[in-house]
């Protein structure tokens, strides 16, 4: 809050985050309204998936054009594109020409630059703040976003009741316009220090990740974790509308509870600077999966909502700690590429899992898909814990190479965290 440039950015970021919190409810609910009744599961999956999937393609295909751009410009262009594409949805809906195919296409266009936008935001944090404050800066952004997800779903419910889900997306587009103007006008060109060296390759980000086993291992765990969470974006709305016969307000209650947990988790993240990265991340995955299970085991709605809220408590620490590791490990010149590569992999994982949600719901039902998602996340966490234990044992036995090299790399990163927070 004391940094001038970041203080200018945070209000616009907060407004846009409220819009995003509203869109979480509106995107799937409008898809339910537009899709044919027989294929609603598939179309809801496609709508939720394409809203983020094209961001991964943009990260991979647009590096040649965007890797030299200033981080504020990357974030501003992403917000401007989202404002335009999402704003077209309510306009077409008002004139009665919005079909489910066009709706999905506009959602896809809106997220083409999203990986680069996220990379730009976190690159600003890395370049404007000293290394010891990276985790705190990431936690602040995560906290602002989490607070907005608490307010967003109830606001979306009110707008859906009085104006429909397309009205929510109109408001969301407006908030992204505010964010675009914030980054393009409020961040001075000379206000963000640039690295001395010049990035040499659009694949440099992936190369950095491949060279550091701790980063590639963390990214692999993140991919599977987010992939298995993806079906929730399809199964939960259909569970609420079909199994429970409830309104959008109940769906908003789930997301609001998750947001309240995320706010508390963002506050707690600032106290995790001395914690060991790998045990913390693996523990988060296991705990998150356990807290997902009540939704798939037929628990009362109130119990499921509370459990989902506690799952939200674990989301920001995982995201902030893994982002901090990338910020500290990647050279400054290739930091945007490394963060964009990481974001691309993560952005790809969620919509792939979401796309899988359609067939899962068709075959297992919404409750069965939720049960499979939570149980699989627990199993992945347990497998990661076992692999980590084996690698630590291998590090003690092997003088070099193999598993020992991975464990020593992870241990070096943890020592660096402790040294940065004496």
Protein backbone atom coordinates (compact mmCIF):
# COMPACT_ATOMS: atom_id res chain seq x y z
CA UNK A 1 0.00 0.00 0.00
CA UNK A 2 2.95 2.34 0.55
CA UNK A 3 4.26 1.95 -3.01
CA UNK A 4 2.99 4.75 -5.27
CA UNK A 5 2.54 2.75 -8.48
CA UNK A 6 0.91 -0.23 -6.79
CA UNK A 7 -1.40 2.08 -4.87
CA UNK A 8 -2.65 3.45 -8.20
CA UNK A 9 -3.23 -0.05 -9.57
CA UNK A 10 -5.03 -1.65 -6.63
CA UNK A 11 -8.38 0.23 -6.96
CA UNK A 12 -8.80 -0.78 -10.59
CA UNK A 13 -7.72 -4.32 -9.76
CA UNK A 14 -10.30 -4.43 -6.94
CA UNK A 15 -13.13 -3.21 -9.19
CA UNK A 16 -12.25 -5.76 -11.87
CA UNK A 17 -12.07 -8.54 -9.27
CA UNK A 18 -15.65 -7.77 -8.20
CA UNK A 19 -16.67 -8.18 -11.83
CA UNK A 20 -14.85 -11.50 -12.01
CA UNK A 21 -16.60 -12.66 -8.85
CA UNK A 22 -19.93 -11.87 -10.47
CA UNK A 23 -18.99 -13.63 -13.70
CA UNK A 24 -18.29 -16.90 -11.87
CA UNK A 25 -22.05 -17.25 -11.41
CA UNK A 26 -23.22 -15.56 -14.62
CA UNK A 27 -21.09 -17.43 -17.18
CA UNK A 28 -22.48 -20.85 -16.32
CA UNK A 29 -26.02 -19.60 -15.62
CA UNK A 30 -26.33 -17.88 -19.01
CA UNK A 31 -25.02 -21.06 -20.66
CA UNK A 32 -27.77 -23.03 -18.88
CA UNK A 33 -30.36 -20.59 -20.28
CA UNK A 34 -29.02 -20.60 -23.85
CA UNK A 35 -28.16 -24.29 -24.28
CA UNK A 36 -30.63 -26.95 -25.46
CA UNK A 37 -31.96 -28.88 -22.48
CA UNK A 38 -30.64 -32.21 -23.75
CA UNK A 39 -27.05 -30.94 -24.07
CA UNK A 40 -26.78 -28.49 -21.19
CA UNK A 41 -23.95 -30.36 -19.47
CA UNK A 42 -21.77 -30.25 -22.58
CA UNK A 43 -22.44 -26.58 -23.31
CA UNK A 44 -21.92 -25.46 -19.71
CA UNK A 45 -18.60 -27.31 -19.80
CA UNK A 46 -17.62 -25.63 -23.07
CA UNK A 47 -18.60 -22.18 -21.82
CA UNK A 48 -16.62 -22.53 -18.60
CA UNK A 49 -13.66 -24.09 -20.41
CA UNK A 50 -13.37 -21.62 -23.28
CA UNK A 51 -13.57 -18.70 -20.85
CA UNK A 52 -10.00 -19.61 -19.85
CA UNK A 53 -8.71 -22.16 -22.38
CA UNK A 54 -7.77 -19.70 -25.11
CA UNK A 55 -5.52 -17.92 -22.61
CA UNK A 56 -3.19 -20.91 -22.72
CA UNK A 57 -3.10 -20.79 -26.52
CA UNK A 58 -2.36 -17.07 -26.38
CA UNK A 59 0.57 -17.66 -24.03
CA UNK A 60 2.09 -20.20 -26.40
CA UNK A 61 1.41 -18.50 -29.73
CA UNK A 62 1.79 -14.78 -29.00
CA UNK A 63 5.15 -14.77 -27.25
CA UNK A 64 6.90 -13.50 -30.37
CA UNK A 65 4.77 -10.35 -30.32
CA UNK A 66 4.34 -9.76 -26.60
CA UNK A 67 7.51 -10.85 -24.80
CA UNK A 68 9.15 -7.41 -25.16
CA UNK A 69 6.12 -5.44 -23.96
CA UNK A 70 6.00 -3.60 -20.66
CA UNK A 71 4.12 -5.51 -17.92
CA UNK A 72 1.56 -2.72 -17.43
CA UNK A 73 0.79 -2.76 -21.14
CA UNK A 74 0.30 -6.54 -21.12
CA UNK A 75 -2.18 -6.27 -18.25
CA UNK A 76 -3.94 -3.32 -19.90
CA UNK A 77 -4.35 -5.04 -23.26
CA UNK A 78 -5.75 -8.14 -21.58
CA UNK A 79 -8.32 -6.07 -19.69
CA UNK A 80 -9.28 -4.10 -22.82
CA UNK A 81 -9.88 -7.26 -24.85
CA UNK A 82 -12.00 -8.74 -22.06
CA UNK A 83 -14.04 -5.55 -21.84
CA UNK A 84 -14.77 -5.60 -25.58
CA UNK A 85 -15.58 -9.29 -25.97
CA UNK A 86 -17.65 -9.60 -22.79
CA UNK A 87 -19.44 -6.33 -23.57
CA UNK A 88 -20.57 -7.75 -26.93
CA UNK A 89 -22.47 -10.56 -25.18
CA UNK A 90 -25.24 -8.46 -23.56
CA UNK A 91 -25.53 -6.31 -26.70
CA UNK A 92 -26.22 -9.36 -28.89
CA UNK A 93 -28.50 -10.79 -26.21
CA UNK A 94 -30.64 -7.63 -26.15
CA UNK A 95 -31.15 -7.87 -29.93
CA UNK A 96 -32.05 -11.55 -29.66
CA UNK A 97 -29.21 -12.81 -31.85
CA UNK A 98 -27.03 -14.47 -29.21
CA UNK A 99 -26.89 -18.24 -29.62
CA UNK A 100 -24.97 -20.68 -27.49
CA UNK A 101 -22.28 -21.07 -30.19
CA UNK A 102 -21.68 -17.33 -30.45
CA UNK A 103 -21.68 -17.03 -26.69
CA UNK A 104 -18.95 -19.65 -26.33
CA UNK A 105 -16.93 -18.01 -29.12
CA UNK A 106 -17.01 -14.59 -27.43
CA UNK A 107 -15.95 -16.12 -24.11
CA UNK A 108 -12.98 -17.68 -25.91
CA UNK A 109 -11.96 -14.37 -27.51
CA UNK A 110 -12.17 -12.58 -24.19
CA UNK A 111 -9.41 -14.69 -22.60
CA UNK A 112 -6.84 -14.85 -25.41
CA UNK A 113 -4.46 -12.47 -23.60
CA UNK A 114 -5.28 -13.53 -20.06
CA UNK A 115 -2.06 -15.48 -19.38
CA UNK A 116 -0.01 -12.47 -20.47
CA UNK A 117 -2.18 -10.15 -18.42
CA UNK A 118 -1.61 -12.21 -15.30
CA UNK A 119 2.11 -12.40 -16.08
CA UNK A 120 2.19 -8.62 -16.42
CA UNK A 121 0.55 -8.08 -13.03
CA UNK A 122 2.91 -10.45 -11.18
CA UNK A 123 5.92 -9.08 -13.07
CA UNK A 124 5.00 -5.63 -11.73
CA UNK A 125 5.05 -7.07 -8.21
CA UNK A 126 8.43 -8.69 -8.79
CA UNK A 127 10.04 -5.58 -10.27
CA UNK A 128 8.55 -2.96 -7.98
CA UNK A 129 8.98 -4.72 -4.63
CA UNK A 130 12.13 -6.09 -2.99
CA UNK A 131 12.39 -9.88 -2.99
CA UNK A 132 11.50 -10.18 0.68
CA UNK A 133 8.11 -8.58 -0.07
CA UNK A 134 7.13 -10.72 -3.06
CA UNK A 135 5.03 -13.13 -1.00
CA UNK A 136 3.29 -10.24 0.76
CA UNK A 137 2.59 -8.52 -2.57
CA UNK A 138 1.14 -11.68 -4.08
CA UNK A 139 -0.96 -12.19 -0.95
CA UNK A 140 -2.36 -8.64 -1.23
CA UNK A 141 -3.46 -9.23 -4.84
CA UNK A 142 -4.92 -12.58 -3.87
CA UNK A 143 -6.67 -10.99 -0.89
CA UNK A 144 -8.22 -8.24 -2.97
CA UNK A 145 -9.47 -10.84 -5.44
CA UNK A 146 -10.81 -13.02 -2.65
CA UNK A 147 -12.71 -10.17 -1.01
CA UNK A 148 -14.27 -9.42 -4.38
CA UNK A 149 -15.42 -13.03 -4.77
CA UNK A 150 -17.31 -12.65 -1.50
CA UNK A 151 -19.21 -9.61 -2.77
CA UNK A 152 -19.44 -10.69 -6.43
CA UNK A 153 -21.76 -13.73 -6.29
CA UNK A 154 -24.49 -12.05 -4.17
CA UNK A 155 -24.40 -9.01 -6.46
CA UNK A 156 -24.64 -11.33 -9.46
CA UNK A 157 -27.66 -13.04 -7.91
CA UNK A 158 -29.48 -9.71 -7.55
CA UNK A 159 -28.68 -8.70 -11.11
CA UNK A 160 -29.77 -12.11 -12.44
CA UNK A 161 -33.11 -11.77 -10.65
CA UNK A 162 -33.81 -8.27 -12.01
CA UNK A 163 -31.93 -8.23 -15.32
CA UNK A 164 -30.71 -11.72 -16.18
CA UNK A 165 -27.16 -13.14 -16.41
CA UNK A 166 -26.34 -11.10 -19.52
CA UNK A 167 -26.66 -7.95 -17.39
CA UNK A 168 -24.00 -9.33 -15.05
CA UNK A 169 -21.60 -9.75 -17.96
CA UNK A 170 -22.29 -6.15 -19.03
CA UNK A 171 -21.19 -4.98 -15.58
CA UNK A 172 -18.18 -7.30 -15.72
CA UNK A 173 -17.13 -5.78 -19.05
CA UNK A 174 -17.35 -2.31 -17.52
CA UNK A 175 -15.08 -3.30 -14.65
CA UNK A 176 -12.48 -4.60 -17.10
CA UNK A 177 -12.63 -1.28 -18.95
CA UNK A 178 -11.77 0.43 -15.64
CA UNK A 179 -8.84 -1.95 -15.18
CA UNK A 180 -7.58 -1.34 -18.72
CA UNK A 181 -7.59 2.42 -18.19
CA UNK A 182 -5.81 1.94 -14.86
CA UNK A 183 -2.89 0.04 -16.36
CA UNK A 184 -2.63 2.05 -19.57
CA UNK A 185 -2.89 5.50 -17.96
CA UNK A 186 -2.04 5.29 -14.25
CA UNK A 187 1.27 3.42 -14.49
CA UNK A 188 4.07 5.73 -15.72
CA UNK A 189 6.32 4.33 -18.43
CA UNK A 190 9.44 4.92 -16.36
CA UNK A 191 7.82 3.78 -13.12
CA UNK A 192 8.74 0.10 -13.55
CA UNK A 193 12.42 -0.84 -13.70
CA UNK A 194 13.44 -2.92 -16.70
CA UNK A 195 16.10 -5.68 -16.63
CA UNK A 196 19.42 -4.99 -18.29
CA UNK A 197 19.52 -8.12 -20.43
CA UNK A 198 17.20 -8.71 -23.37
CA UNK A 199 15.04 -11.84 -23.57
CA UNK A 200 16.38 -14.02 -26.31
CA UNK A 201 13.63 -16.52 -26.98
CA UNK A 202 9.91 -16.91 -26.67
CA UNK A 203 10.55 -20.39 -25.23
CA UNK A 204 12.86 -19.03 -22.52
CA UNK A 205 10.13 -19.34 -19.89
CA UNK A 206 9.67 -23.04 -20.49
CA UNK A 207 13.44 -23.50 -20.65
CA UNK A 208 13.84 -21.97 -17.19
CA UNK A 209 11.14 -24.25 -15.80
CA UNK A 210 12.77 -27.33 -17.34
CA UNK A 211 16.18 -26.45 -15.88
CA UNK A 212 14.89 -26.20 -12.31
CA UNK A 213 13.44 -29.56 -11.19
CA UNK A 214 11.67 -27.97 -8.22
CA UNK A 215 9.77 -25.65 -10.62
CA UNK A 216 8.87 -28.38 -13.09
CA UNK A 217 7.74 -30.64 -10.25
CA UNK A 218 5.61 -27.89 -8.73
CA UNK A 219 4.09 -27.03 -12.09
CA UNK A 220 3.24 -30.70 -12.71
CA UNK A 221 1.49 -30.95 -9.36
CA UNK A 222 -0.39 -27.71 -10.07
CA UNK A 223 -1.52 -28.95 -13.47
CA UNK A 224 -3.04 -32.14 -12.07
CA UNK A 225 -4.54 -30.36 -9.06
CA UNK A 226 -6.29 -27.70 -11.14
CA UNK A 227 -7.28 -30.23 -13.82
CA UNK A 228 -9.13 -32.32 -11.23
CA UNK A 229 -10.82 -29.22 -9.85
CA UNK A 230 -12.07 -28.23 -13.31
CA UNK A 231 -15.17 -30.51 -13.37
CA UNK A 232 -16.55 -28.60 -10.36
CA UNK A 233 -17.38 -25.64 -12.63
CA UNK A 234 -19.78 -27.89 -14.54
CA UNK A 235 -21.01 -30.26 -11.84
CA UNK A 236 -21.74 -27.66 -9.15
CA UNK A 237 -24.11 -25.42 -11.22
CA UNK A 238 -25.96 -28.48 -12.54
CA UNK A 239 -26.10 -30.00 -9.05
CA UNK A 240 -27.71 -26.82 -7.77
CA UNK A 241 -30.16 -26.37 -10.66
CA UNK A 242 -31.10 -30.02 -11.30
CA UNK A 243 -30.41 -32.12 -8.20
CA UNK A 244 -31.35 -29.50 -5.61
CA UNK A 245 -33.87 -27.64 -7.79
CA UNK A 246 -32.49 -24.42 -6.33
CA UNK A 247 -31.95 -20.92 -7.70
CA UNK A 248 -28.81 -19.05 -8.65
CA UNK A 249 -28.73 -17.76 -5.08
CA UNK A 250 -27.72 -21.19 -3.77
CA UNK A 251 -24.93 -21.39 -6.36
CA UNK A 252 -23.85 -17.91 -5.27
CA UNK A 253 -23.79 -19.15 -1.65
CA UNK A 254 -21.26 -21.84 -2.58
CA UNK A 255 -19.00 -19.36 -4.35
CA UNK A 256 -19.40 -16.73 -1.63
CA UNK A 257 -18.41 -19.25 1.05
CA UNK A 258 -15.37 -20.16 -1.06
CA UNK A 259 -14.56 -16.46 -1.34
CA UNK A 260 -14.84 -15.87 2.42
CA UNK A 261 -12.45 -18.75 3.00
CA UNK A 262 -10.12 -17.34 0.37
CA UNK A 263 -10.07 -13.95 2.10
CA UNK A 264 -8.98 -15.57 5.36
CA UNK A 265 -6.48 -17.71 3.45
CA UNK A 266 -4.98 -14.62 1.85
CA UNK A 267 -4.44 -13.07 5.27
CA UNK A 268 -2.82 -16.26 6.56
CA UNK A 269 -0.56 -16.48 3.49
CA UNK A 270 1.50 -13.56 4.73
CA UNK A 271 2.59 -15.65 7.73
CA UNK A 272 3.86 -18.58 5.65
CA UNK A 273 7.18 -17.07 4.57
CA UNK A 274 9.20 -19.42 6.79
CA UNK A 275 7.23 -22.58 5.96
CA UNK A 276 8.80 -25.25 3.75
CA UNK A 277 7.32 -25.06 0.28
CA UNK A 278 6.86 -28.71 -0.71
CA UNK A 279 5.27 -30.06 2.51
CA UNK A 280 2.96 -27.04 2.52
CA UNK A 281 1.80 -27.41 -1.07
CA UNK A 282 1.31 -31.17 -0.79
CA UNK A 283 -0.62 -30.74 2.45
CA UNK A 284 -2.84 -28.12 0.80
CA UNK A 285 -3.70 -30.49 -2.05
CA UNK A 286 -4.66 -33.31 0.33
CA UNK A 287 -6.69 -31.03 2.58
CA UNK A 288 -8.46 -29.40 -0.36
CA UNK A 289 -9.57 -32.76 -1.74
CA UNK A 290 -10.89 -33.88 1.64
CA UNK A 291 -12.94 -30.71 1.98
CA UNK A 292 -14.43 -31.27 -1.48
CA UNK A 293 -15.84 -34.69 -0.56
CA UNK A 294 -19.00 -33.61 1.35
CA UNK A 295 -20.48 -32.18 -1.86
CA UNK A 296 -20.10 -35.57 -3.54
CA UNK A 297 -21.23 -37.68 -0.57
CA UNK A 298 -24.75 -36.32 -0.26
CA UNK A 299 -24.10 -34.08 2.73
CA UNK A 300 -26.76 -31.46 3.58
CA UNK A 301 -26.43 -28.30 1.53
CA UNK A 302 -25.39 -26.21 4.53
CA UNK A 303 -22.59 -28.67 5.38
CA UNK A 304 -21.40 -28.71 1.76
CA UNK A 305 -21.36 -24.90 1.61
CA UNK A 306 -19.30 -24.64 4.80
CA UNK A 307 -16.89 -27.35 3.65
CA UNK A 308 -16.45 -25.60 0.30
CA UNK A 309 -15.69 -22.42 2.22
CA UNK A 310 -12.90 -24.15 4.14
CA UNK A 311 -11.54 -25.41 0.82
CA UNK A 312 -11.38 -21.77 -0.26
CA UNK A 313 -9.16 -21.11 2.76
CA UNK A 314 -6.45 -23.28 1.18
CA UNK A 315 -6.58 -21.82 -2.34
CA UNK A 316 -4.66 -18.50 -1.89
CA UNK A 317 -1.69 -19.99 0.03
CA UNK A 318 -1.09 -22.51 -2.74
CA UNK A 319 -1.32 -19.89 -5.48
CA UNK A 320 0.80 -17.26 -3.71
CA UNK A 321 3.56 -19.61 -2.59
CA UNK A 322 3.97 -21.17 -6.03
CA UNK A 323 3.97 -17.75 -7.73
CA UNK A 324 6.58 -16.48 -5.27
CA UNK A 325 8.83 -19.41 -6.10
CA UNK A 326 8.71 -18.52 -9.79
CA UNK A 327 9.38 -14.85 -9.09
CA UNK A 328 12.48 -15.67 -7.05
CA UNK A 329 13.84 -18.42 -9.27
CA UNK A 330 13.50 -17.00 -12.78
CA UNK A 331 16.04 -14.42 -14.11
CA UNK A 332 14.56 -10.94 -14.36
CA UNK A 333 14.83 -10.75 -18.15
CA UNK A 334 12.75 -13.86 -18.71
CA UNK A 335 10.41 -13.43 -15.76
CA UNK A 336 7.37 -12.44 -17.91
CA UNK A 337 7.97 -15.47 -20.14
CA UNK A 338 8.41 -17.82 -17.18
CA UNK A 339 5.27 -16.50 -15.51
CA UNK A 340 3.33 -16.62 -18.78
CA UNK A 341 4.49 -20.21 -19.35
CA UNK A 342 3.44 -21.15 -15.84
CA UNK A 343 0.12 -19.36 -16.25
CA UNK A 344 -0.43 -21.07 -19.62
CA UNK A 345 0.00 -24.53 -18.11
CA UNK A 346 -2.29 -23.71 -15.19
CA UNK A 347 -4.85 -21.93 -17.39
CA UNK A 348 -4.85 -24.96 -19.69
CA UNK A 349 -5.40 -27.43 -16.86
CA UNK A 350 -8.62 -25.96 -15.45
CA UNK A 351 -10.57 -25.76 -18.75
CA UNK A 352 -9.36 -29.22 -19.76
CA UNK A 353 -10.79 -30.52 -16.50
CA UNK A 354 -13.90 -28.43 -17.05
CA UNK A 355 -14.36 -29.91 -20.53
CA UNK A 356 -14.10 -33.35 -18.93
CA UNK A 357 -16.87 -32.29 -16.55
CA UNK A 358 -19.50 -32.54 -19.29
CA UNK A 359 -19.00 -36.27 -20.01
CA UNK A 360 -18.49 -36.96 -16.29
CA UNK A 361 -21.80 -35.37 -15.39
CA UNK A 362 -23.52 -37.21 -18.26
CA UNK A 363 -22.10 -40.54 -17.08
CA UNK A 364 -21.98 -40.20 -13.30
CA UNK A 365 -24.39 -37.38 -12.57
CA UNK A 366 -23.41 -34.09 -10.94
CA UNK A 367 -22.94 -35.63 -7.48
CA UNK A 368 -20.84 -38.48 -8.87
CA UNK A 369 -18.61 -36.04 -10.73
CA UNK A 370 -18.09 -33.99 -7.56
CA UNK A 371 -17.25 -37.14 -5.59
CA UNK A 372 -14.75 -38.27 -8.22
CA UNK A 373 -13.12 -34.83 -8.34
CA UNK A 374 -12.58 -34.61 -4.57
CA UNK A 375 -11.40 -38.19 -4.19
CA UNK A 376 -8.94 -37.91 -7.08
CA UNK A 377 -7.43 -34.72 -5.62
CA UNK A 378 -6.84 -36.53 -2.33
CA UNK A 379 -5.14 -39.43 -4.12
CA UNK A 380 -2.90 -37.07 -6.10
CA UNK A 381 -1.87 -35.30 -2.90
CA UNK A 382 -1.06 -38.60 -1.20
CA UNK A 383 0.95 -39.73 -4.23
CA UNK A 384 2.86 -36.43 -4.24
CA UNK A 385 3.62 -36.83 -0.52
CA UNK A 386 4.93 -40.35 -1.11
CA UNK A 387 7.06 -39.19 -4.06
CA UNK A 388 8.47 -36.35 -1.99
CA UNK A 389 9.38 -38.72 0.84
CA UNK A 390 11.12 -41.09 -1.59
CA UNK A 391 13.08 -38.24 -3.16
CA UNK A 392 14.23 -37.00 0.22
CA UNK A 393 15.43 -40.49 1.09
CA UNK A 394 17.15 -40.69 -2.29
CA UNK A 395 18.88 -37.36 -1.66
CA UNK A 396 20.45 -38.79 1.48
CA UNK A 397 21.75 -41.84 -0.36
CA UNK A 398 22.89 -40.33 -3.68
CA UNK A 399 25.87 -37.99 -3.89
CA UNK A 400 24.57 -36.42 -7.12
CA UNK A 401 21.99 -36.70 -9.90
CA UNK A 402 18.64 -38.44 -10.00
CA UNK A 403 16.15 -37.95 -7.22
CA UNK A 404 18.78 -36.39 -5.02
CA UNK A 405 19.26 -33.53 -7.45
CA UNK A 406 15.54 -32.73 -7.31
CA UNK A 407 15.40 -32.84 -3.54
CA UNK A 408 18.52 -30.68 -3.18
CA UNK A 409 17.03 -28.12 -5.59
CA UNK A 410 13.81 -27.96 -3.56
CA UNK A 411 15.80 -27.72 -0.33
CA UNK A 412 17.88 -24.88 -1.79
CA UNK A 413 14.72 -22.95 -2.61
CA UNK A 414 13.43 -23.48 0.94
CA UNK A 415 16.75 -22.27 2.41
CA UNK A 416 16.49 -19.21 0.20
CA UNK A 417 13.01 -18.50 1.62
CA UNK A 418 14.30 -18.71 5.18
CA UNK A 419 17.35 -16.54 4.42
CA UNK A 420 15.08 -13.92 2.84
CA UNK A 421 13.03 -13.78 6.06
CA UNK A 422 15.62 -13.90 8.88
